[in-house]
PDB file of all heavy atoms in Angstrom:
ATOM      1  N   LEU A   1    -120.070  40.381 128.226  1.00  0.00           N
ATOM      2  CA  LEU A   1    -120.114  39.330 129.308  1.00  0.00           C
ATOM      3  C   LEU A   1    -121.247  38.357 129.062  1.00  0.00           C
ATOM      4  O   LEU A   1    -121.604  37.648 129.945  1.00  0.00           O
ATOM      5  CB  LEU A   1    -120.273  39.996 130.654  1.00  0.00           C
ATOM      6  CG  LEU A   1    -119.423  41.187 130.965  1.00  0.00           C
ATOM      7  CD1 LEU A   1    -119.618  41.722 132.362  1.00  0.00           C
ATOM      8  CD2 LEU A   1    -117.921  40.866 130.851  1.00  0.00           C
ATOM      9  N   GLY A   2    -121.729  38.407 127.885  1.00  0.00           N
ATOM     10  CA  GLY A   2    -122.921  37.647 127.465  1.00  0.00           C
ATOM     11  C   GLY A   2    -123.286  36.425 128.208  1.00  0.00           C
ATOM     12  O   GLY A   2    -124.236  36.273 128.944  1.00  0.00           O
ATOM     13  N   GLY A   3    -122.499  35.315 128.007  1.00  0.00           N
ATOM     14  CA  GLY A   3    -122.779  34.020 128.639  1.00  0.00           C
ATOM     15  C   GLY A   3    -122.795  34.133 130.144  1.00  0.00           C
ATOM     16  O   GLY A   3    -123.688  33.573 130.799  1.00  0.00           O
ATOM     17  N   LEU A   4    -121.833  34.888 130.695  1.00  0.00           N
ATOM     18  CA  LEU A   4    -121.819  35.004 132.182  1.00  0.00           C
ATOM     19  C   LEU A   4    -122.966  35.812 132.688  1.00  0.00           C
ATOM     20  O   LEU A   4    -123.560  35.426 133.710  1.00  0.00           O
ATOM     21  CB  LEU A   4    -120.478  35.707 132.519  1.00  0.00           C
ATOM     22  CG  LEU A   4    -120.243  35.825 134.012  1.00  0.00           C
ATOM     23  CD1 LEU A   4    -119.960  34.447 134.654  1.00  0.00           C
ATOM     24  CD2 LEU A   4    -118.996  36.751 134.254  1.00  0.00           C
ATOM     25  N   SER A   5    -123.427  36.802 131.973  1.00  0.00           N
ATOM     26  CA  SER A   5    -124.489  37.648 132.410  1.00  0.00           C
ATOM     27  C   SER A   5    -125.855  36.816 132.411  1.00  0.00           C
ATOM     28  O   SER A   5    -126.575  36.914 133.287  1.00  0.00           O
ATOM     29  CB  SER A   5    -124.686  38.850 131.429  1.00  0.00           C
ATOM     30  OG  SER A   5    -123.553  39.644 131.501  1.00  0.00           O
ATOM     31  N   THR A   6    -125.970  36.147 131.330  1.00  0.00           N
ATOM     32  CA  THR A   6    -127.198  35.263 131.158  1.00  0.00           C
ATOM     33  C   THR A   6    -127.292  34.212 132.261  1.00  0.00           C
ATOM     34  O   THR A   6    -128.293  33.987 132.836  1.00  0.00           O
ATOM     35  CB  THR A   6    -127.238  34.581 129.828  1.00  0.00           C
ATOM     36  OG1 THR A   6    -127.200  35.522 128.773  1.00  0.00           O
ATOM     37  CG2 THR A   6    -128.493  33.746 129.672  1.00  0.00           C
ATOM     38  N   SER A   7    -126.173  33.552 132.533  1.00  0.00           N
ATOM     39  CA  SER A   7    -126.073  32.553 133.629  1.00  0.00           C
ATOM     40  C   SER A   7    -126.387  33.157 134.978  1.00  0.00           C
ATOM     41  O   SER A   7    -127.052  32.592 135.859  1.00  0.00           O
ATOM     42  CB  SER A   7    -124.764  31.856 133.551  1.00  0.00           C
ATOM     43  OG  SER A   7    -124.694  30.901 134.614  1.00  0.00           O
ATOM     44  N   PHE A   8    -125.762  34.329 135.104  1.00  0.00           N
ATOM     45  CA  PHE A   8    -125.922  35.022 136.399  1.00  0.00           C
ATOM     46  C   PHE A   8    -127.417  35.382 136.649  1.00  0.00           C
ATOM     47  O   PHE A   8    -127.918  35.167 137.767  1.00  0.00           O
ATOM     48  CB  PHE A   8    -125.028  36.219 136.487  1.00  0.00           C
ATOM     49  CG  PHE A   8    -125.277  37.163 137.669  1.00  0.00           C
ATOM     50  CD1 PHE A   8    -124.691  36.761 138.850  1.00  0.00           C
ATOM     51  CD2 PHE A   8    -125.983  38.289 137.568  1.00  0.00           C
ATOM     52  CE1 PHE A   8    -124.894  37.539 140.018  1.00  0.00           C
ATOM     53  CE2 PHE A   8    -126.160  39.117 138.652  1.00  0.00           C
ATOM     54  CZ  PHE A   8    -125.691  38.728 139.954  1.00  0.00           C
ATOM     55  N   LEU A   9    -128.091  35.920 135.683  1.00  0.00           N
ATOM     56  CA  LEU A   9    -129.457  36.371 135.819  1.00  0.00           C
ATOM     57  C   LEU A   9    -130.355  35.160 136.134  1.00  0.00           C
ATOM     58  O   LEU A   9    -131.294  35.295 136.875  1.00  0.00           O
ATOM     59  CB  LEU A   9    -129.882  36.995 134.484  1.00  0.00           C
ATOM     60  CG  LEU A   9    -131.317  37.694 134.479  1.00  0.00           C
ATOM     61  CD1 LEU A   9    -131.387  38.682 135.604  1.00  0.00           C
ATOM     62  CD2 LEU A   9    -131.652  38.216 133.162  1.00  0.00           C
ATOM     63  N   ASN A  10    -130.037  33.990 135.580  1.00  0.00           N
ATOM     64  CA  ASN A  10    -130.834  32.810 135.770  1.00  0.00           C
ATOM     65  C   ASN A  10    -130.325  31.858 136.785  1.00  0.00           C
ATOM     66  O   ASN A  10    -130.902  30.700 136.980  1.00  0.00           O
ATOM     67  CB  ASN A  10    -130.983  32.052 134.426  1.00  0.00           C
ATOM     68  CG  ASN A  10    -131.774  32.969 133.439  1.00  0.00           C
ATOM     69  OD1 ASN A  10    -132.846  33.429 133.614  1.00  0.00           O
ATOM     70  ND2 ASN A  10    -131.087  33.236 132.212  1.00  0.00           N
ATOM     71  N   SER A  11    -129.216  32.243 137.552  1.00  0.00           N
ATOM     72  CA  SER A  11    -128.658  31.277 138.404  1.00  0.00           C
ATOM     73  C   SER A  11    -129.431  31.063 139.676  1.00  0.00           C
ATOM     74  O   SER A  11    -130.155  31.960 140.089  1.00  0.00           O
ATOM     75  CB  SER A  11    -127.192  31.776 138.874  1.00  0.00           C
ATOM     76  OG  SER A  11    -127.349  33.021 139.510  1.00  0.00           O
ATOM     77  N   ALA A  12    -129.345  29.945 140.253  1.00  0.00           N
ATOM     78  CA  ALA A  12    -129.911  29.639 141.499  1.00  0.00           C
ATOM     79  C   ALA A  12    -128.772  29.506 142.554  1.00  0.00           C
ATOM     80  O   ALA A  12    -127.720  29.056 142.246  1.00  0.00           O
ATOM     81  CB  ALA A  12    -130.684  28.370 141.472  1.00  0.00           C
ATOM     82  N   CYS A  13    -129.078  30.055 143.776  1.00  0.00           N
ATOM     83  CA  CYS A  13    -128.062  29.993 144.779  1.00  0.00           C
ATOM     84  C   CYS A  13    -128.164  28.780 145.652  1.00  0.00           C
ATOM     85  O   CYS A  13    -129.261  28.543 146.291  1.00  0.00           O
ATOM     86  CB  CYS A  13    -128.153  31.233 145.640  1.00  0.00           C
ATOM     87  SG  CYS A  13    -127.719  32.748 144.818  1.00  0.00           S
ATOM     88  N   ASP A  14    -127.161  27.986 145.698  1.00  0.00           N
ATOM     89  CA  ASP A  14    -127.167  26.811 146.536  1.00  0.00           C
ATOM     90  C   ASP A  14    -125.859  26.846 147.357  1.00  0.00           C
ATOM     91  O   ASP A  14    -124.905  27.575 147.098  1.00  0.00           O
ATOM     92  CB  ASP A  14    -127.311  25.416 145.819  1.00  0.00           C
ATOM     93  CG  ASP A  14    -126.198  25.317 144.759  1.00  0.00           C
ATOM     94  OD1 ASP A  14    -124.982  25.177 145.259  1.00  0.00           O
ATOM     95  OD2 ASP A  14    -126.400  25.279 143.600  1.00  0.00           O
ATOM     96  N   SER A  15    -125.766  26.025 148.337  1.00  0.00           N
ATOM     97  CA  SER A  15    -124.643  26.003 149.235  1.00  0.00           C
ATOM     98  C   SER A  15    -123.940  24.681 149.230  1.00  0.00           C
ATOM     99  O   SER A  15    -123.384  24.220 150.269  1.00  0.00           O
ATOM    100  CB  SER A  15    -125.100  26.341 150.664  1.00  0.00           C
ATOM    101  OG  SER A  15    -126.136  25.507 151.055  1.00  0.00           O
ATOM    102  N   SER A  16    -123.922  24.045 148.104  1.00  0.00           N
ATOM    103  CA  SER A  16    -123.321  22.720 148.012  1.00  0.00           C
ATOM    104  C   SER A  16    -121.811  22.650 148.009  1.00  0.00           C
ATOM    105  O   SER A  16    -121.156  21.786 148.345  1.00  0.00           O
ATOM    106  CB  SER A  16    -123.880  21.893 146.747  1.00  0.00           C
ATOM    107  OG  SER A  16    -123.535  22.661 145.606  1.00  0.00           O
ATOM    108  N   ASN A  17    -121.290  23.827 147.567  1.00  0.00           N
ATOM    109  CA  ASN A  17    -119.788  24.041 147.441  1.00  0.00           C
ATOM    110  C   ASN A  17    -119.325  24.722 148.698  1.00  0.00           C
ATOM    111  O   ASN A  17    -120.039  25.357 149.451  1.00  0.00           O
ATOM    112  CB  ASN A  17    -119.392  24.853 146.254  1.00  0.00           C
ATOM    113  CG  ASN A  17    -119.714  24.114 144.981  1.00  0.00           C
ATOM    114  OD1 ASN A  17    -119.635  22.848 144.833  1.00  0.00           O
ATOM    115  ND2 ASN A  17    -120.155  24.816 143.907  1.00  0.00           N
ATOM    116  N   SER A  18    -118.086  24.593 148.976  1.00  0.00           N
ATOM    117  CA  SER A  18    -117.468  25.232 150.185  1.00  0.00           C
ATOM    118  C   SER A  18    -116.633  26.487 149.650  1.00  0.00           C
ATOM    119  O   SER A  18    -116.037  26.461 148.586  1.00  0.00           O
ATOM    120  CB  SER A  18    -116.607  24.248 150.903  1.00  0.00           C
ATOM    121  OG  SER A  18    -115.539  23.771 150.117  1.00  0.00           O
ATOM    122  N   TYR A  19    -116.672  27.520 150.419  1.00  0.00           N
ATOM    123  CA  TYR A  19    -116.000  28.740 150.162  1.00  0.00           C
ATOM    124  C   TYR A  19    -115.176  29.277 151.295  1.00  0.00           C
ATOM    125  O   TYR A  19    -115.558  28.925 152.473  1.00  0.00           O
ATOM    126  CB  TYR A  19    -117.063  29.770 149.685  1.00  0.00           C
ATOM    127  CG  TYR A  19    -117.883  29.311 148.565  1.00  0.00           C
ATOM    128  CD1 TYR A  19    -119.063  28.605 148.912  1.00  0.00           C
ATOM    129  CD2 TYR A  19    -117.535  29.465 147.258  1.00  0.00           C
ATOM    130  CE1 TYR A  19    -119.929  28.167 147.885  1.00  0.00           C
ATOM    131  CE2 TYR A  19    -118.359  28.944 146.304  1.00  0.00           C
ATOM    132  CZ  TYR A  19    -119.609  28.381 146.546  1.00  0.00           C
ATOM    133  OH  TYR A  19    -120.393  27.981 145.547  1.00  0.00           O
ATOM    134  N   ASP A  20    -114.136  29.990 151.006  1.00  0.00           N
ATOM    135  CA  ASP A  20    -113.376  30.619 152.043  1.00  0.00           C
ATOM    136  C   ASP A  20    -114.173  31.810 152.695  1.00  0.00           C
ATOM    137  O   ASP A  20    -114.077  32.000 153.881  1.00  0.00           O
ATOM    138  CB  ASP A  20    -112.035  31.165 151.428  1.00  0.00           C
ATOM    139  CG  ASP A  20    -111.224  30.063 151.018  1.00  0.00           C
ATOM    140  OD1 ASP A  20    -110.923  29.048 151.715  1.00  0.00           O
ATOM    141  OD2 ASP A  20    -110.693  30.186 149.802  1.00  0.00           O
ATOM    142  N   PHE A  21    -114.829  32.575 151.843  1.00  0.00           N
ATOM    143  CA  PHE A  21    -115.711  33.628 152.347  1.00  0.00           C
ATOM    144  C   PHE A  21    -116.876  33.798 151.538  1.00  0.00           C
ATOM    145  O   PHE A  21    -116.914  33.522 150.399  1.00  0.00           O
ATOM    146  CB  PHE A  21    -114.847  35.048 152.318  1.00  0.00           C
ATOM    147  CG  PHE A  21    -113.618  34.929 153.132  1.00  0.00           C
ATOM    148  CD1 PHE A  21    -112.315  34.705 152.581  1.00  0.00           C
ATOM    149  CD2 PHE A  21    -113.624  35.113 154.464  1.00  0.00           C
ATOM    150  CE1 PHE A  21    -111.215  34.728 153.250  1.00  0.00           C
ATOM    151  CE2 PHE A  21    -112.495  35.098 155.232  1.00  0.00           C
ATOM    152  CZ  PHE A  21    -111.172  34.872 154.615  1.00  0.00           C
ATOM    153  N   THR A  22    -117.933  34.278 152.252  1.00  0.00           N
ATOM    154  CA  THR A  22    -119.175  34.595 151.487  1.00  0.00           C
ATOM    155  C   THR A  22    -119.656  35.988 151.784  1.00  0.00           C
ATOM    156  O   THR A  22    -119.585  36.396 152.901  1.00  0.00           O
ATOM    157  CB  THR A  22    -120.320  33.626 151.904  1.00  0.00           C
ATOM    158  OG1 THR A  22    -119.937  32.280 151.572  1.00  0.00           O
ATOM    159  CG2 THR A  22    -121.643  33.941 151.061  1.00  0.00           C
ATOM    160  N   PHE A  23    -119.918  36.642 150.711  1.00  0.00           N
ATOM    161  CA  PHE A  23    -120.457  38.102 150.779  1.00  0.00           C
ATOM    162  C   PHE A  23    -121.760  38.297 150.210  1.00  0.00           C
ATOM    163  O   PHE A  23    -122.279  37.389 149.415  1.00  0.00           O
ATOM    164  CB  PHE A  23    -119.526  39.037 149.994  1.00  0.00           C
ATOM    165  CG  PHE A  23    -118.076  38.985 150.599  1.00  0.00           C
ATOM    166  CD1 PHE A  23    -117.150  38.265 149.906  1.00  0.00           C
ATOM    167  CD2 PHE A  23    -117.708  39.841 151.601  1.00  0.00           C
ATOM    168  CE1 PHE A  23    -115.769  38.284 150.378  1.00  0.00           C
ATOM    169  CE2 PHE A  23    -116.422  39.731 152.134  1.00  0.00           C
ATOM    170  CZ  PHE A  23    -115.471  38.980 151.479  1.00  0.00           C
ATOM    171  N   PHE A  24    -122.514  39.316 150.600  1.00  0.00           N
ATOM    172  CA  PHE A  24    -123.844  39.537 150.132  1.00  0.00           C
ATOM    173  C   PHE A  24    -124.015  40.926 149.581  1.00  0.00           C
ATOM    174  O   PHE A  24    -123.466  41.939 150.220  1.00  0.00           O
ATOM    175  CB  PHE A  24    -124.869  39.304 151.295  1.00  0.00           C
ATOM    176  CG  PHE A  24    -124.676  37.976 151.962  1.00  0.00           C
ATOM    177  CD1 PHE A  24    -123.941  37.773 153.059  1.00  0.00           C
ATOM    178  CD2 PHE A  24    -125.428  36.834 151.443  1.00  0.00           C
ATOM    179  CE1 PHE A  24    -123.824  36.578 153.674  1.00  0.00           C
ATOM    180  CE2 PHE A  24    -125.248  35.645 152.098  1.00  0.00           C
ATOM    181  CZ  PHE A  24    -124.495  35.435 153.169  1.00  0.00           C
ATOM    182  N   VAL A  25    -124.675  41.074 148.506  1.00  0.00           N
ATOM    183  CA  VAL A  25    -124.923  42.397 147.880  1.00  0.00           C
ATOM    184  C   VAL A  25    -126.471  42.564 147.996  1.00  0.00           C
ATOM    185  O   VAL A  25    -127.176  41.857 147.274  1.00  0.00           O
ATOM    186  CB  VAL A  25    -124.397  42.581 146.483  1.00  0.00           C
ATOM    187  CG1 VAL A  25    -124.850  43.886 145.908  1.00  0.00           C
ATOM    188  CG2 VAL A  25    -122.907  42.394 146.532  1.00  0.00           C
ATOM    189  N   GLU A  26    -126.944  43.515 148.775  1.00  0.00           N
ATOM    190  CA  GLU A  26    -128.392  43.838 148.863  1.00  0.00           C
ATOM    191  C   GLU A  26    -128.592  45.306 148.491  1.00  0.00           C
ATOM    192  O   GLU A  26    -128.250  46.219 149.144  1.00  0.00           O
ATOM    193  CB  GLU A  26    -128.880  43.607 150.308  1.00  0.00           C
ATOM    194  CG  GLU A  26    -128.697  42.182 150.829  1.00  0.00           C
ATOM    195  CD  GLU A  26    -129.602  41.259 150.061  1.00  0.00           C
ATOM    196  OE1 GLU A  26    -130.681  41.613 149.565  1.00  0.00           O
ATOM    197  OE2 GLU A  26    -129.217  40.026 149.989  1.00  0.00           O
ATOM    198  N   ARG A  27    -129.204  45.439 147.255  1.00  0.00           N
ATOM    199  CA  ARG A  27    -129.260  46.750 146.710  1.00  0.00           C
ATOM    200  C   ARG A  27    -130.201  47.695 147.409  1.00  0.00           C
ATOM    201  O   ARG A  27    -130.096  48.965 147.310  1.00  0.00           O
ATOM    202  CB  ARG A  27    -129.689  46.710 145.207  1.00  0.00           C
ATOM    203  CG  ARG A  27    -128.877  45.909 144.333  1.00  0.00           C
ATOM    204  CD  ARG A  27    -129.351  45.746 142.919  1.00  0.00           C
ATOM    205  NE  ARG A  27    -128.473  45.006 142.052  1.00  0.00           N
ATOM    206  CZ  ARG A  27    -128.536  43.609 141.979  1.00  0.00           C
ATOM    207  NH1 ARG A  27    -129.422  42.990 142.725  1.00  0.00           N
ATOM    208  NH2 ARG A  27    -127.761  42.999 141.185  1.00  0.00           N
ATOM    209  N   GLN A  28    -131.163  47.180 148.243  1.00  0.00           N
ATOM    210  CA  GLN A  28    -132.107  48.004 148.887  1.00  0.00           C
ATOM    211  C   GLN A  28    -131.530  48.721 150.136  1.00  0.00           C
ATOM    212  O   GLN A  28    -132.224  49.523 150.776  1.00  0.00           O
ATOM    213  CB  GLN A  28    -133.379  47.158 149.239  1.00  0.00           C
ATOM    214  CG  GLN A  28    -133.238  46.445 150.576  1.00  0.00           C
ATOM    215  CD  GLN A  28    -132.515  45.059 150.425  1.00  0.00           C
ATOM    216  OE1 GLN A  28    -131.922  44.834 149.394  1.00  0.00           O
ATOM    217  NE2 GLN A  28    -132.589  44.203 151.476  1.00  0.00           N
ATOM    218  N   LEU A  29    -130.300  48.303 150.556  1.00  0.00           N
ATOM    219  CA  LEU A  29    -129.775  48.919 151.817  1.00  0.00           C
ATOM    220  C   LEU A  29    -129.431  50.376 151.599  1.00  0.00           C
ATOM    221  O   LEU A  29    -129.010  50.747 150.520  1.00  0.00           O
ATOM    222  CB  LEU A  29    -128.507  48.146 152.190  1.00  0.00           C
ATOM    223  CG  LEU A  29    -128.743  46.616 152.539  1.00  0.00           C
ATOM    224  CD1 LEU A  29    -127.337  45.985 152.973  1.00  0.00           C
ATOM    225  CD2 LEU A  29    -129.664  46.498 153.697  1.00  0.00           C
ATOM    226  N   SER A  30    -129.654  51.100 152.714  1.00  0.00           N
ATOM    227  CA  SER A  30    -129.351  52.539 152.639  1.00  0.00           C
ATOM    228  C   SER A  30    -127.934  52.921 152.851  1.00  0.00           C
ATOM    229  O   SER A  30    -127.407  53.879 152.434  1.00  0.00           O
ATOM    230  CB  SER A  30    -130.204  53.278 153.624  1.00  0.00           C
ATOM    231  OG  SER A  30    -130.008  52.817 154.946  1.00  0.00           O
ATOM    232  N   SER A  31    -127.249  52.032 153.639  1.00  0.00           N
ATOM    233  CA  SER A  31    -125.788  52.319 153.904  1.00  0.00           C
ATOM    234  C   SER A  31    -124.915  51.375 152.971  1.00  0.00           C
ATOM    235  O   SER A  31    -125.400  50.355 152.552  1.00  0.00           O
ATOM    236  CB  SER A  31    -125.483  51.980 155.354  1.00  0.00           C
ATOM    237  OG  SER A  31    -125.842  50.725 155.724  1.00  0.00           O
ATOM    238  N   THR A  32    -123.674  51.790 152.813  1.00  0.00           N
ATOM    239  CA  THR A  32    -122.882  51.045 151.843  1.00  0.00           C
ATOM    240  C   THR A  32    -122.357  49.757 152.459  1.00  0.00           C
ATOM    241  O   THR A  32    -122.072  48.827 151.750  1.00  0.00           O
ATOM    242  CB  THR A  32    -121.577  51.845 151.446  1.00  0.00           C
ATOM    243  OG1 THR A  32    -120.935  52.274 152.631  1.00  0.00           O
ATOM    244  CG2 THR A  32    -121.999  53.126 150.664  1.00  0.00           C
ATOM    245  N   VAL A  33    -122.210  49.674 153.755  1.00  0.00           N
ATOM    246  CA  VAL A  33    -121.778  48.498 154.486  1.00  0.00           C
ATOM    247  C   VAL A  33    -122.687  48.137 155.615  1.00  0.00           C
ATOM    248  O   VAL A  33    -122.937  49.038 156.471  1.00  0.00           O
ATOM    249  CB  VAL A  33    -120.329  48.704 155.020  1.00  0.00           C
ATOM    250  CG1 VAL A  33    -119.824  47.458 155.652  1.00  0.00           C
ATOM    251  CG2 VAL A  33    -119.436  49.139 153.932  1.00  0.00           C
ATOM    252  N   ALA A  34    -123.151  46.953 155.650  1.00  0.00           N
ATOM    253  CA  ALA A  34    -123.923  46.477 156.825  1.00  0.00           C
ATOM    254  C   ALA A  34    -123.211  45.384 157.519  1.00  0.00           C
ATOM    255  O   ALA A  34    -122.093  45.073 157.100  1.00  0.00           O
ATOM    256  CB  ALA A  34    -125.364  46.001 156.288  1.00  0.00           C
ATOM    257  N   ALA A  35    -123.848  44.740 158.504  1.00  0.00           N
ATOM    258  CA  ALA A  35    -123.181  43.703 159.156  1.00  0.00           C
ATOM    259  C   ALA A  35    -123.085  42.390 158.407  1.00  0.00           C
ATOM    260  O   ALA A  35    -123.666  42.282 157.293  1.00  0.00           O
ATOM    261  CB  ALA A  35    -124.023  43.457 160.511  1.00  0.00           C
ATOM    262  N   ASN A  36    -122.236  41.499 158.882  1.00  0.00           N
ATOM    263  CA  ASN A  36    -122.155  40.165 158.350  1.00  0.00           C
ATOM    264  C   ASN A  36    -121.751  40.114 156.923  1.00  0.00           C
ATOM    265  O   ASN A  36    -122.286  39.310 156.000  1.00  0.00           O
ATOM    266  CB  ASN A  36    -123.492  39.443 158.510  1.00  0.00           C
ATOM    267  CG  ASN A  36    -123.935  39.335 159.990  1.00  0.00           C
ATOM    268  OD1 ASN A  36    -123.060  39.113 160.841  1.00  0.00           O
ATOM    269  ND2 ASN A  36    -125.159  39.576 160.314  1.00  0.00           N
TER     270      ASN A  36
END
């Protein structure tokens, strides 16, 4: 996944584009599913 992995690691998150749905992955959470 080389190029994709490198870009992902160095990517910045902006909200200039529109999306149907947005999800969040927070590794520090103790439960598998949180709110929102």
